[in-house]
PDB file of N, CA and C in Angstrom:
ATOM      1  N   MET A   1     -24.805 -26.340  -1.717  1.00  0.00           N
ATOM      2  CA  MET A   1     -24.027 -26.981  -2.828  1.00  0.00           C
ATOM      3  C   MET A   1     -23.170 -25.863  -3.487  1.00  0.00           C
ATOM      4  N   VAL A   2     -22.106 -26.305  -4.151  1.00  0.00           N
ATOM      5  CA  VAL A   2     -21.255 -25.376  -4.772  1.00  0.00           C
ATOM      6  C   VAL A   2     -21.334 -25.741  -6.372  1.00  0.00           C
ATOM      7  N   LYS A   3     -21.182 -24.753  -7.169  1.00  0.00           N
ATOM      8  CA  LYS A   3     -21.107 -24.947  -8.660  1.00  0.00           C
ATOM      9  C   LYS A   3     -20.040 -24.012  -9.200  1.00  0.00           C
ATOM     10  N   LYS A   4     -19.768 -24.338 -10.481  1.00  0.00           N
ATOM     11  CA  LYS A   4     -18.725 -23.507 -11.178  1.00  0.00           C
ATOM     12  C   LYS A   4     -19.378 -22.459 -12.032  1.00  0.00           C
ATOM     13  N   CYS A   5     -19.043 -21.236 -12.012  1.00  0.00           N
ATOM     14  CA  CYS A   5     -19.581 -20.246 -12.855  1.00  0.00           C
ATOM     15  C   CYS A   5     -19.103 -20.536 -14.262  1.00  0.00           C
ATOM     16  N   PRO A   6     -20.039 -20.579 -15.286  1.00  0.00           N
ATOM     17  CA  PRO A   6     -19.606 -20.974 -16.650  1.00  0.00           C
ATOM     18  C   PRO A   6     -18.834 -19.759 -17.309  1.00  0.00           C
ATOM     19  N   HIS A   7     -18.936 -18.506 -16.835  1.00  0.00           N
ATOM     20  CA  HIS A   7     -18.234 -17.438 -17.388  1.00  0.00           C
ATOM     21  C   HIS A   7     -16.787 -17.225 -16.870  1.00  0.00           C
ATOM     22  N   CYS A   8     -16.582 -17.388 -15.601  1.00  0.00           N
ATOM     23  CA  CYS A   8     -15.246 -17.056 -15.015  1.00  0.00           C
ATOM     24  C   CYS A   8     -14.581 -18.248 -14.332  1.00  0.00           C
ATOM     25  N   ASN A   9     -15.272 -19.348 -14.232  1.00  0.00           N
ATOM     26  CA  ASN A   9     -14.809 -20.612 -13.609  1.00  0.00           C
ATOM     27  C   ASN A   9     -14.454 -20.467 -12.124  1.00  0.00           C
ATOM     28  N   HIS A  10     -15.118 -19.590 -11.470  1.00  0.00           N
ATOM     29  CA  HIS A  10     -14.930 -19.493  -9.944  1.00  0.00           C
ATOM     30  C   HIS A  10     -16.049 -20.290  -9.361  1.00  0.00           C
ATOM     31  N   TYR A  11     -15.726 -20.928  -8.272  1.00  0.00           N
ATOM     32  CA  TYR A  11     -16.751 -21.722  -7.564  1.00  0.00           C
ATOM     33  C   TYR A  11     -17.636 -20.821  -6.737  1.00  0.00           C
ATOM     34  N   ILE A  12     -18.922 -20.931  -6.888  1.00  0.00           N
ATOM     35  CA  ILE A  12     -19.908 -20.090  -6.252  1.00  0.00           C
ATOM     36  C   ILE A  12     -20.983 -21.013  -5.698  1.00  0.00           C
ATOM     37  N   SER A  13     -21.854 -20.373  -4.870  1.00  0.00           N
ATOM     38  CA  SER A  13     -23.047 -21.096  -4.293  1.00  0.00           C
ATOM     39  C   SER A  13     -24.074 -21.237  -5.371  1.00  0.00           C
ATOM     40  N   ASP A  14     -24.745 -22.439  -5.389  1.00  0.00           N
ATOM     41  CA  ASP A  14     -25.779 -22.615  -6.426  1.00  0.00           C
ATOM     42  C   ASP A  14     -27.129 -22.000  -6.088  1.00  0.00           C
ATOM     43  N   THR A  15     -27.122 -21.188  -5.056  1.00  0.00           N
ATOM     44  CA  THR A  15     -28.416 -20.475  -4.721  1.00  0.00           C
ATOM     45  C   THR A  15     -28.411 -18.976  -5.309  1.00  0.00           C
ATOM     46  N   ILE A  16     -27.329 -18.538  -5.833  1.00  0.00           N
ATOM     47  CA  ILE A  16     -27.352 -17.202  -6.327  1.00  0.00           C
ATOM     48  C   ILE A  16     -27.568 -17.162  -7.766  1.00  0.00           C
ATOM     49  N   THR A  17     -28.047 -16.080  -8.248  1.00  0.00           N
ATOM     50  CA  THR A  17     -28.402 -15.999  -9.759  1.00  0.00           C
ATOM     51  C   THR A  17     -27.409 -15.093 -10.520  1.00  0.00           C
ATOM     52  N   ILE A  18     -26.527 -14.266  -9.768  1.00  0.00           N
ATOM     53  CA  ILE A  18     -25.520 -13.466 -10.346  1.00  0.00           C
ATOM     54  C   ILE A  18     -24.220 -13.780  -9.802  1.00  0.00           C
ATOM     55  N   CYS A  19     -23.205 -14.029 -10.593  1.00  0.00           N
ATOM     56  CA  CYS A  19     -21.859 -14.417 -10.111  1.00  0.00           C
ATOM     57  C   CYS A  19     -21.202 -13.191  -9.402  1.00  0.00           C
ATOM     58  N   PRO A  20     -20.786 -13.292  -8.146  1.00  0.00           N
ATOM     59  CA  PRO A  20     -20.168 -12.115  -7.540  1.00  0.00           C
ATOM     60  C   PRO A  20     -18.794 -11.770  -8.070  1.00  0.00           C
ATOM     61  N   HIS A  21     -18.093 -12.719  -8.804  1.00  0.00           N
ATOM     62  CA  HIS A  21     -16.713 -12.509  -9.360  1.00  0.00           C
ATOM     63  C   HIS A  21     -16.807 -11.725 -10.701  1.00  0.00           C
ATOM     64  N   CYS A  22     -17.665 -12.125 -11.649  1.00  0.00           N
ATOM     65  CA  CYS A  22     -17.750 -11.559 -12.968  1.00  0.00           C
ATOM     66  C   CYS A  22     -18.983 -10.758 -13.147  1.00  0.00           C
ATOM     67  N   GLY A  23     -19.999 -10.913 -12.329  1.00  0.00           N
ATOM     68  CA  GLY A  23     -21.203 -10.186 -12.417  1.00  0.00           C
ATOM     69  C   GLY A  23     -22.176 -10.613 -13.603  1.00  0.00           C
ATOM     70  N   ASN A  24     -21.855 -11.738 -14.218  1.00  0.00           N
ATOM     71  CA  ASN A  24     -22.785 -12.294 -15.227  1.00  0.00           C
ATOM     72  C   ASN A  24     -23.890 -13.033 -14.577  1.00  0.00           C
ATOM     73  N   GLU A  25     -25.108 -12.942 -15.187  1.00  0.00           N
ATOM     74  CA  GLU A  25     -26.269 -13.652 -14.809  1.00  0.00           C
ATOM     75  C   GLU A  25     -26.114 -15.187 -15.118  1.00  0.00           C
ATOM     76  N   LEU A  26     -26.451 -16.033 -14.084  1.00  0.00           N
ATOM     77  CA  LEU A  26     -26.329 -17.428 -14.325  1.00  0.00           C
ATOM     78  C   LEU A  26     -27.508 -17.931 -15.054  1.00  0.00           C
ATOM     79  N   SER A  27     -27.481 -18.890 -15.937  1.00  0.00           N
ATOM     80  CA  SER A  27     -28.653 -19.369 -16.637  1.00  0.00           C
ATOM     81  C   SER A  27     -29.579 -20.193 -15.768  1.00  0.00           C
ATOM     82  N   SER A  28     -29.085 -20.992 -14.842  1.00  0.00           N
ATOM     83  CA  SER A  28     -29.961 -21.798 -14.028  1.00  0.00           C
ATOM     84  C   SER A  28     -30.452 -21.094 -12.806  1.00  0.00           C
ATOM     85  N   LEU A  29     -31.579 -20.938 -12.639  1.00  0.00           N
ATOM     86  CA  LEU A  29     -32.258 -20.158 -11.413  1.00  0.00           C
ATOM     87  C   LEU A  29     -32.388 -21.247 -10.283  1.00  0.00           C
ATOM     88  N   SER A  30     -32.131 -20.753  -9.188  1.00  0.00           N
ATOM     89  CA  SER A  30     -32.311 -21.666  -7.915  1.00  0.00           C
ATOM     90  C   SER A  30     -33.766 -22.066  -7.667  1.00  0.00           C
ATOM     91  N   SER A  31     -33.882 -23.118  -6.846  1.00  0.00           N
ATOM     92  CA  SER A  31     -35.232 -23.661  -6.672  1.00  0.00           C
ATOM     93  C   SER A  31     -35.820 -23.097  -5.337  1.00  0.00           C
ATOM     94  N   GLU A  32     -35.188 -22.070  -4.701  1.00  0.00           N
ATOM     95  CA  GLU A  32     -35.658 -21.603  -3.469  1.00  0.00           C
ATOM     96  C   GLU A  32     -36.853 -20.627  -3.659  1.00  0.00           C
ATOM     97  N   PRO A  33     -37.509 -20.278  -2.646  1.00  0.00           N
ATOM     98  CA  PRO A  33     -38.658 -19.278  -2.793  1.00  0.00           C
ATOM     99  C   PRO A  33     -38.255 -17.984  -3.252  1.00  0.00           C
ATOM    100  N   ALA A  34     -39.229 -17.160  -3.728  1.00  0.00           N
ATOM    101  CA  ALA A  34     -38.840 -15.936  -4.357  1.00  0.00           C
ATOM    102  C   ALA A  34     -38.216 -14.939  -3.299  1.00  0.00           C
ATOM    103  N   GLU A  35     -38.765 -15.001  -2.064  1.00  0.00           N
ATOM    104  CA  GLU A  35     -38.239 -14.117  -1.023  1.00  0.00           C
ATOM    105  C   GLU A  35     -36.681 -14.343  -0.866  1.00  0.00           C
ATOM    106  N   SER A  36     -36.301 -15.551  -0.752  1.00  0.00           N
ATOM    107  CA  SER A  36     -34.962 -15.862  -0.600  1.00  0.00           C
ATOM    108  C   SER A  36     -34.099 -15.392  -1.759  1.00  0.00           C
ATOM    109  N   ASN A  37     -34.608 -15.589  -3.002  1.00  0.00           N
ATOM    110  CA  ASN A  37     -33.863 -15.255  -4.093  1.00  0.00           C
ATOM    111  C   ASN A  37     -33.719 -13.748  -4.201  1.00  0.00           C
ATOM    112  N   GLN A  38     -34.674 -13.049  -3.735  1.00  0.00           N
ATOM    113  CA  GLN A  38     -34.695 -11.498  -3.623  1.00  0.00           C
ATOM    114  C   GLN A  38     -33.591 -11.017  -2.761  1.00  0.00           C
ATOM    115  N   SER A  39     -33.444 -11.621  -1.626  1.00  0.00           N
ATOM    116  CA  SER A  39     -32.526 -11.208  -0.575  1.00  0.00           C
ATOM    117  C   SER A  39     -31.014 -11.643  -1.042  1.00  0.00           C
ATOM    118  N   ASN A  40     -30.916 -12.765  -1.732  1.00  0.00           N
ATOM    119  CA  ASN A  40     -29.621 -13.163  -2.198  1.00  0.00           C
ATOM    120  C   ASN A  40     -29.222 -12.184  -3.364  1.00  0.00           C
ATOM    121  N   SER A  41     -30.121 -11.893  -4.222  1.00  0.00           N
ATOM    122  CA  SER A  41     -29.916 -11.031  -5.325  1.00  0.00           C
ATOM    123  C   SER A  41     -29.442  -9.723  -4.920  1.00  0.00           C
ATOM    124  N   THR A  42     -30.105  -9.141  -3.819  1.00  0.00           N
ATOM    125  CA  THR A  42     -29.730  -7.843  -3.265  1.00  0.00           C
ATOM    126  C   THR A  42     -28.315  -7.866  -2.756  1.00  0.00           C
ATOM    127  N   LEU A  43     -28.078  -8.910  -1.939  1.00  0.00           N
ATOM    128  CA  LEU A  43     -26.767  -9.121  -1.429  1.00  0.00           C
ATOM    129  C   LEU A  43     -25.649  -9.212  -2.475  1.00  0.00           C
ATOM    130  N   VAL A  44     -25.909  -9.905  -3.455  1.00  0.00           N
ATOM    131  CA  VAL A  44     -24.952 -10.091  -4.613  1.00  0.00           C
ATOM    132  C   VAL A  44     -24.694  -8.817  -5.291  1.00  0.00           C
ATOM    133  N   SER A  45     -25.814  -8.090  -5.585  1.00  0.00           N
ATOM    134  CA  SER A  45     -25.634  -6.843  -6.330  1.00  0.00           C
ATOM    135  C   SER A  45     -24.813  -5.851  -5.397  1.00  0.00           C
ATOM    136  N   ASN A  46     -24.956  -5.812  -4.166  1.00  0.00           N
ATOM    137  CA  ASN A  46     -24.213  -4.930  -3.269  1.00  0.00           C
ATOM    138  C   ASN A  46     -22.674  -5.389  -3.243  1.00  0.00           C
ATOM    139  N   VAL A  47     -22.531  -6.671  -3.211  1.00  0.00           N
ATOM    140  CA  VAL A  47     -21.107  -7.217  -3.201  1.00  0.00           C
ATOM    141  C   VAL A  47     -20.555  -6.890  -4.716  1.00  0.00           C
ATOM    142  N   ASN A  48     -21.270  -6.962  -5.741  1.00  0.00           N
ATOM    143  CA  ASN A  48     -20.720  -6.796  -7.042  1.00  0.00           C
ATOM    144  C   ASN A  48     -20.451  -5.314  -7.299  1.00  0.00           C
ATOM    145  N   THR A  49     -21.120  -4.352  -6.722  1.00  0.00           N
ATOM    146  CA  THR A  49     -20.744  -2.991  -6.843  1.00  0.00           C
ATOM    147  C   THR A  49     -19.347  -2.645  -6.354  1.00  0.00           C
ATOM    148  N   ASN A  50     -18.950  -3.423  -5.305  1.00  0.00           N
ATOM    149  CA  ASN A  50     -17.573  -3.181  -4.684  1.00  0.00           C
ATOM    150  C   ASN A  50     -16.589  -3.991  -5.472  1.00  0.00           C
ATOM    151  N   ASN A  51     -16.947  -4.906  -6.221  1.00  0.00           N
ATOM    152  CA  ASN A  51     -15.988  -5.889  -6.824  1.00  0.00           C
ATOM    153  C   ASN A  51     -15.253  -5.045  -7.934  1.00  0.00           C
ATOM    154  N   GLN A  52     -14.005  -5.238  -7.889  1.00  0.00           N
ATOM    155  CA  GLN A  52     -13.203  -4.575  -9.019  1.00  0.00           C
ATOM    156  C   GLN A  52     -12.585  -5.628  -9.890  1.00  0.00           C
ATOM    157  N   THR A  53     -12.344  -5.226 -11.061  1.00  0.00           N
ATOM    158  CA  THR A  53     -11.622  -6.110 -12.067  1.00  0.00           C
ATOM    159  C   THR A  53     -10.308  -6.353 -11.706  1.00  0.00           C
ATOM    160  N   PRO A  54      -9.611  -7.465 -12.227  1.00  0.00           N
ATOM    161  CA  PRO A  54      -8.211  -7.546 -11.968  1.00  0.00           C
ATOM    162  C   PRO A  54      -7.410  -6.298 -12.465  1.00  0.00           C
ATOM    163  N   LEU A  55      -6.248  -6.102 -11.780  1.00  0.00           N
ATOM    164  CA  LEU A  55      -5.515  -4.812 -11.939  1.00  0.00           C
ATOM    165  C   LEU A  55      -4.991  -4.737 -13.418  1.00  0.00           C
ATOM    166  N   GLU A  56      -4.722  -5.730 -14.117  1.00  0.00           N
ATOM    167  CA  GLU A  56      -4.279  -5.645 -15.470  1.00  0.00           C
ATOM    168  C   GLU A  56      -5.363  -5.256 -16.454  1.00  0.00           C
ATOM    169  N   GLU A  57      -6.613  -5.560 -16.126  1.00  0.00           N
ATOM    170  CA  GLU A  57      -7.672  -5.319 -16.998  1.00  0.00           C
ATOM    171  C   GLU A  57      -8.280  -3.882 -16.758  1.00  0.00           C
ATOM    172  N   ARG A  58      -7.881  -3.187 -15.698  1.00  0.00           N
ATOM    173  CA  ARG A  58      -8.477  -1.906 -15.390  1.00  0.00           C
ATOM    174  C   ARG A  58      -7.943  -0.842 -16.349  1.00  0.00           C
ATOM    175  N   GLU A  59      -8.793   0.175 -16.774  1.00  0.00           N
ATOM    176  CA  GLU A  59      -8.373   1.153 -17.631  1.00  0.00           C
ATOM    177  C   GLU A  59      -7.367   2.169 -16.988  1.00  0.00           C
ATOM    178  N   ASP A  60      -7.463   2.312 -15.632  1.00  0.00           N
ATOM    179  CA  ASP A  60      -6.759   3.336 -14.970  1.00  0.00           C
ATOM    180  C   ASP A  60      -5.425   2.649 -14.300  1.00  0.00           C
ATOM    181  N   PHE A  61      -5.059   1.508 -14.874  1.00  0.00           N
ATOM    182  CA  PHE A  61      -3.908   0.732 -14.329  1.00  0.00           C
ATOM    183  C   PHE A  61      -2.695   1.579 -14.254  1.00  0.00           C
ATOM    184  N   TYR A  62      -2.485   2.383 -15.343  1.00  0.00           N
ATOM    185  CA  TYR A  62      -1.229   3.062 -15.541  1.00  0.00           C
ATOM    186  C   TYR A  62      -1.412   4.632 -15.082  1.00  0.00           C
ATOM    187  N   GLU A  63      -2.615   4.970 -14.675  1.00  0.00           N
ATOM    188  CA  GLU A  63      -2.857   6.415 -14.262  1.00  0.00           C
ATOM    189  C   GLU A  63      -1.915   6.934 -13.219  1.00  0.00           C
ATOM    190  N   ASP A  64      -1.594   6.123 -12.264  1.00  0.00           N
ATOM    191  CA  ASP A  64      -0.776   6.572 -11.104  1.00  0.00           C
ATOM    192  C   ASP A  64       0.686   6.586 -11.443  1.00  0.00           C
ATOM    193  N   VAL A  65       1.148   5.955 -12.522  1.00  0.00           N
ATOM    194  CA  VAL A  65       2.494   5.878 -12.928  1.00  0.00           C
ATOM    195  C   VAL A  65       2.854   7.041 -13.713  1.00  0.00           C
ATOM    196  N   GLU A  66       3.979   7.707 -13.347  1.00  0.00           N
ATOM    197  CA  GLU A  66       4.437   8.915 -14.071  1.00  0.00           C
ATOM    198  C   GLU A  66       5.014   8.470 -15.342  1.00  0.00           C
ATOM    199  N   ASP A  67       4.530   8.920 -16.493  1.00  0.00           N
ATOM    200  CA  ASP A  67       4.947   8.594 -17.849  1.00  0.00           C
ATOM    201  C   ASP A  67       5.936   9.583 -18.391  1.00  0.00           C
ATOM    202  N   SER A  68       7.035   9.808 -17.696  1.00  0.00           N
ATOM    203  CA  SER A  68       8.150  10.653 -18.208  1.00  0.00           C
ATOM    204  C   SER A  68       9.441  10.002 -17.819  1.00  0.00           C
ATOM    205  N   ALA A  69      10.415  10.332 -18.678  1.00  0.00           N
ATOM    206  CA  ALA A  69      11.744   9.948 -18.435  1.00  0.00           C
ATOM    207  C   ALA A  69      12.513  10.917 -17.450  1.00  0.00           C
ATOM    208  N   GLY A  70      13.240  10.285 -16.558  1.00  0.00           N
ATOM    209  CA  GLY A  70      13.928  11.125 -15.648  1.00  0.00           C
ATOM    210  C   GLY A  70      15.211  11.636 -16.367  1.00  0.00           C
ATOM    211  N   ILE A  71      15.871  12.752 -15.688  1.00  0.00           N
ATOM    212  CA  ILE A  71      17.013  13.317 -16.338  1.00  0.00           C
ATOM    213  C   ILE A  71      18.176  12.316 -16.220  1.00  0.00           C
ATOM    214  N   LEU A  72      18.273  11.629 -15.239  1.00  0.00           N
ATOM    215  CA  LEU A  72      19.431  10.620 -15.141  1.00  0.00           C
ATOM    216  C   LEU A  72      19.311   9.459 -16.290  1.00  0.00           C
ATOM    217  N   MET A  73      18.020   9.122 -16.522  1.00  0.00           N
ATOM    218  CA  MET A  73      17.918   8.046 -17.576  1.00  0.00           C
ATOM    219  C   MET A  73      18.152   8.668 -18.930  1.00  0.00           C
ATOM    220  N   LYS A  74      17.784   9.984 -19.138  1.00  0.00           N
ATOM    221  CA  LYS A  74      18.019  10.579 -20.369  1.00  0.00           C
ATOM    222  C   LYS A  74      19.577  10.739 -20.710  1.00  0.00           C
ATOM    223  N   ILE A  75      20.202  10.997 -19.624  1.00  0.00           N
ATOM    224  CA  ILE A  75      21.773  11.106 -19.696  1.00  0.00           C
ATOM    225  C   ILE A  75      22.309   9.756 -20.058  1.00  0.00           C
ATOM    226  N   ILE A  76      21.843   8.746 -19.448  1.00  0.00           N
ATOM    227  CA  ILE A  76      22.348   7.397 -19.672  1.00  0.00           C
ATOM    228  C   ILE A  76      21.934   6.993 -21.075  1.00  0.00           C
ATOM    229  N   CYS A  77      20.812   7.295 -21.554  1.00  0.00           N
ATOM    230  CA  CYS A  77      20.417   7.042 -22.968  1.00  0.00           C
ATOM    231  C   CYS A  77      21.360   7.742 -24.007  1.00  0.00           C
ATOM    232  N   PHE A  78      21.670   9.014 -23.545  1.00  0.00           N
ATOM    233  CA  PHE A  78      22.549   9.737 -24.526  1.00  0.00           C
ATOM    234  C   PHE A  78      23.950   9.236 -24.525  1.00  0.00           C
ATOM    235  N   MET A  79      24.450   8.799 -23.309  1.00  0.00           N
ATOM    236  CA  MET A  79      25.862   8.373 -23.262  1.00  0.00           C
ATOM    237  C   MET A  79      25.958   6.911 -23.794  1.00  0.00           C
ATOM    238  N   ILE A  80      24.945   6.079 -23.634  1.00  0.00           N
ATOM    239  CA  ILE A  80      24.916   4.681 -24.146  1.00  0.00           C
ATOM    240  C   ILE A  80      23.696   4.485 -24.919  1.00  0.00           C
ATOM    241  N   PRO A  81      23.637   4.859 -26.174  1.00  0.00           N
ATOM    242  CA  PRO A  81      22.420   4.673 -27.062  1.00  0.00           C
ATOM    243  C   PRO A  81      21.798   3.355 -26.999  1.00  0.00           C
ATOM    244  N   ILE A  82      22.522   2.275 -26.912  1.00  0.00           N
ATOM    245  CA  ILE A  82      21.913   0.934 -26.917  1.00  0.00           C
ATOM    246  C   ILE A  82      20.931   0.734 -25.753  1.00  0.00           C
ATOM    247  N   VAL A  83      21.336   1.350 -24.590  1.00  0.00           N
ATOM    248  CA  VAL A  83      20.405   1.294 -23.395  1.00  0.00           C
ATOM    249  C   VAL A  83      19.120   2.018 -23.669  1.00  0.00           C
ATOM    250  N   GLY A  84      19.175   3.150 -24.379  1.00  0.00           N
ATOM    251  CA  GLY A  84      17.880   3.797 -24.773  1.00  0.00           C
ATOM    252  C   GLY A  84      17.166   3.030 -25.690  1.00  0.00           C
ATOM    253  N   LEU A  85      17.750   2.287 -26.647  1.00  0.00           N
ATOM    254  CA  LEU A  85      17.029   1.518 -27.642  1.00  0.00           C
ATOM    255  C   LEU A  85      16.404   0.320 -26.890  1.00  0.00           C
ATOM    256  N   VAL A  86      17.104  -0.292 -26.050  1.00  0.00           N
ATOM    257  CA  VAL A  86      16.457  -1.416 -25.268  1.00  0.00           C
ATOM    258  C   VAL A  86      15.325  -0.916 -24.396  1.00  0.00           C
ATOM    259  N   LEU A  87      15.497   0.273 -23.650  1.00  0.00           N
ATOM    260  CA  LEU A  87      14.452   0.736 -22.867  1.00  0.00           C
ATOM    261  C   LEU A  87      13.325   1.111 -23.579  1.00  0.00           C
ATOM    262  N   TYR A  88      13.466   1.610 -24.896  1.00  0.00           N
ATOM    263  CA  TYR A  88      12.308   1.846 -25.770  1.00  0.00           C
ATOM    264  C   TYR A  88      11.388   0.669 -25.918  1.00  0.00           C
ATOM    265  N   PHE A  89      12.116  -0.427 -26.385  1.00  0.00           N
ATOM    266  CA  PHE A  89      11.336  -1.629 -26.736  1.00  0.00           C
ATOM    267  C   PHE A  89      10.770  -2.274 -25.429  1.00  0.00           C
ATOM    268  N   VAL A  90      11.347  -2.040 -24.251  1.00  0.00           N
ATOM    269  CA  VAL A  90      10.787  -2.621 -23.025  1.00  0.00           C
ATOM    270  C   VAL A  90       9.632  -1.881 -22.502  1.00  0.00           C
ATOM    271  N   LYS A  91       9.621  -0.507 -22.578  1.00  0.00           N
ATOM    272  CA  LYS A  91       8.627   0.301 -21.996  1.00  0.00           C
ATOM    273  C   LYS A  91       7.585   0.902 -22.989  1.00  0.00           C
ATOM    274  N   ARG A  92       7.730   0.558 -24.248  1.00  0.00           N
ATOM    275  CA  ARG A  92       6.819   1.240 -25.222  1.00  0.00           C
ATOM    276  C   ARG A  92       5.329   0.998 -25.028  1.00  0.00           C
ATOM    277  N   ASN A  93       4.976  -0.208 -24.474  1.00  0.00           N
ATOM    278  CA  ASN A  93       3.561  -0.499 -24.217  1.00  0.00           C
ATOM    279  C   ASN A  93       2.938   0.103 -22.949  1.00  0.00           C
ATOM    280  N   ASN A  94       3.900   0.022 -21.891  1.00  0.00           N
ATOM    281  CA  ASN A  94       3.459   0.570 -20.622  1.00  0.00           C
ATOM    282  C   ASN A  94       3.556   2.043 -20.414  1.00  0.00           C
ATOM    283  N   LEU A  95       4.650   2.651 -20.837  1.00  0.00           N
ATOM    284  CA  LEU A  95       4.901   3.959 -20.628  1.00  0.00           C
ATOM    285  C   LEU A  95       5.376   4.627 -21.991  1.00  0.00           C
ATOM    286  N   PRO A  96       4.527   4.941 -22.866  1.00  0.00           N
ATOM    287  CA  PRO A  96       4.756   5.264 -24.317  1.00  0.00           C
ATOM    288  C   PRO A  96       5.531   6.673 -24.267  1.00  0.00           C
ATOM    289  N   ASN A  97       5.251   7.559 -23.417  1.00  0.00           N
ATOM    290  CA  ASN A  97       5.927   8.845 -23.518  1.00  0.00           C
ATOM    291  C   ASN A  97       7.380   8.815 -23.070  1.00  0.00           C
ATOM    292  N   ALA A  98       7.616   8.011 -22.030  1.00  0.00           N
ATOM    293  CA  ALA A  98       8.948   7.699 -21.469  1.00  0.00           C
ATOM    294  C   ALA A  98       9.719   6.980 -22.499  1.00  0.00           C
ATOM    295  N   ALA A  99       9.099   5.964 -23.140  1.00  0.00           N
ATOM    296  CA  ALA A  99       9.810   5.152 -24.139  1.00  0.00           C
ATOM    297  C   ALA A  99      10.249   6.056 -25.309  1.00  0.00           C
ATOM    298  N   LYS A 100       9.402   6.949 -25.736  1.00  0.00           N
ATOM    299  CA  LYS A 100       9.661   7.803 -26.806  1.00  0.00           C
ATOM    300  C   LYS A 100      10.868   8.735 -26.443  1.00  0.00           C
ATOM    301  N   SER A 101      10.856   9.203 -25.206  1.00  0.00           N
ATOM    302  CA  SER A 101      11.913  10.164 -24.782  1.00  0.00           C
ATOM    303  C   SER A 101      13.331   9.281 -24.743  1.00  0.00           C
ATOM    304  N   TYR A 102      13.316   8.040 -24.313  1.00  0.00           N
ATOM    305  CA  TYR A 102      14.589   7.252 -24.304  1.00  0.00           C
ATOM    306  C   TYR A 102      15.058   6.970 -25.735  1.00  0.00           C
ATOM    307  N   LEU A 103      14.084   6.756 -26.723  1.00  0.00           N
ATOM    308  CA  LEU A 103      14.567   6.599 -28.053  1.00  0.00           C
ATOM    309  C   LEU A 103      15.160   7.864 -28.600  1.00  0.00           C
ATOM    310  N   ILE A 104      14.455   9.064 -28.304  1.00  0.00           N
ATOM    311  CA  ILE A 104      15.018  10.342 -28.926  1.00  0.00           C
ATOM    312  C   ILE A 104      16.432  10.629 -28.288  1.00  0.00           C
ATOM    313  N   TRP A 105      16.633  10.415 -26.978  1.00  0.00           N
ATOM    314  CA  TRP A 105      17.864  10.721 -26.296  1.00  0.00           C
ATOM    315  C   TRP A 105      18.971   9.766 -26.895  1.00  0.00           C
ATOM    316  N   ALA A 106      18.534   8.473 -27.092  1.00  0.00           N
ATOM    317  CA  ALA A 106      19.497   7.499 -27.624  1.00  0.00           C
ATOM    318  C   ALA A 106      19.848   7.841 -29.100  1.00  0.00           C
ATOM    319  N   ALA A 107      18.906   8.329 -29.892  1.00  0.00           N
ATOM    320  CA  ALA A 107      19.221   8.750 -31.235  1.00  0.00           C
ATOM    321  C   ALA A 107      20.121  10.028 -31.202  1.00  0.00           C
ATOM    322  N   ALA A 108      19.959  10.925 -30.278  1.00  0.00           N
ATOM    323  CA  ALA A 108      20.752  12.098 -30.208  1.00  0.00           C
ATOM    324  C   ALA A 108      22.173  11.762 -29.719  1.00  0.00           C
ATOM    325  N   GLY A 109      22.272  10.871 -28.830  1.00  0.00           N
ATOM    326  CA  GLY A 109      23.604  10.341 -28.407  1.00  0.00           C
ATOM    327  C   GLY A 109      24.231   9.660 -29.578  1.00  0.00           C
ATOM    328  N   PHE A 110      23.590   8.882 -30.300  1.00  0.00           N
ATOM    329  CA  PHE A 110      24.201   8.150 -31.496  1.00  0.00           C
ATOM    330  C   PHE A 110      24.642   9.231 -32.445  1.00  0.00           C
ATOM    331  N   GLY A 111      23.821  10.197 -32.753  1.00  0.00           N
ATOM    332  CA  GLY A 111      24.150  11.224 -33.723  1.00  0.00           C
ATOM    333  C   GLY A 111      25.310  12.033 -33.358  1.00  0.00           C
ATOM    334  N   PHE A 112      25.347  12.434 -32.041  1.00  0.00           N
ATOM    335  CA  PHE A 112      26.518  13.160 -31.498  1.00  0.00           C
ATOM    336  C   PHE A 112      27.753  12.324 -31.563  1.00  0.00           C
ATOM    337  N   THR A 113      27.766  11.146 -31.187  1.00  0.00           N
ATOM    338  CA  THR A 113      28.961  10.233 -31.279  1.00  0.00           C
ATOM    339  C   THR A 113      29.412  10.148 -32.778  1.00  0.00           C
ATOM    340  N   LEU A 114      28.439  10.039 -33.667  1.00  0.00           N
ATOM    341  CA  LEU A 114      28.853   9.935 -35.101  1.00  0.00           C
ATOM    342  C   LEU A 114      29.537  11.203 -35.577  1.00  0.00           C
ATOM    343  N   LEU A 115      28.950  12.460 -35.217  1.00  0.00           N
ATOM    344  CA  LEU A 115      29.515  13.659 -35.546  1.00  0.00           C
ATOM    345  C   LEU A 115      30.993  13.824 -34.979  1.00  0.00           C
ATOM    346  N   VAL A 116      31.134  13.469 -33.702  1.00  0.00           N
ATOM    347  CA  VAL A 116      32.399  13.653 -33.079  1.00  0.00           C
ATOM    348  C   VAL A 116      33.469  12.692 -33.780  1.00  0.00           C
ATOM    349  N   ASN A 117      33.079  11.506 -34.088  1.00  0.00           N
ATOM    350  CA  ASN A 117      33.980  10.621 -34.805  1.00  0.00           C
ATOM    351  C   ASN A 117      34.313  11.057 -36.216  1.00  0.00           C
ATOM    352  N   LEU A 118      33.374  11.626 -36.990  1.00  0.00           N
ATOM    353  CA  LEU A 118      33.664  12.143 -38.219  1.00  0.00           C
ATOM    354  C   LEU A 118      34.587  13.380 -38.149  1.00  0.00           C
ATOM    355  N   ALA A 119      34.472  14.148 -37.120  1.00  0.00           N
ATOM    356  CA  ALA A 119      35.206  15.457 -37.019  1.00  0.00           C
ATOM    357  C   ALA A 119      36.646  15.110 -36.583  1.00  0.00           C
ATOM    358  N   LEU A 120      36.860  13.981 -35.952  1.00  0.00           N
ATOM    359  CA  LEU A 120      38.287  13.637 -35.599  1.00  0.00           C
ATOM    360  C   LEU A 120      38.859  12.887 -36.638  1.00  0.00           C
TER     361      LEU A 120
END
């Protein structure tokens, strides 16, 4: 038989005691003999150690992504400050260092443009 895990709502076998998707212990124990439960439990725990959480929930999700602004993007943000401002708000949660760099270069470009216009 198949039942739904109350924690993660995945469909699982009613003979296991630990959900292989979320790793939570199920409240209802199966009615099979103890030997069978032991072998299922071992199998589930082996599967559970290899089970990874969804990509968005992992702490190392952004570790592989380089968090720095490239020189071309810095130049674009300097020349067109509104692009830097938009990039800052789009990237500030995912890539905070790059977003800060976009904002700084946009502010520098805006300040430079202001100085040039005042000087002329």
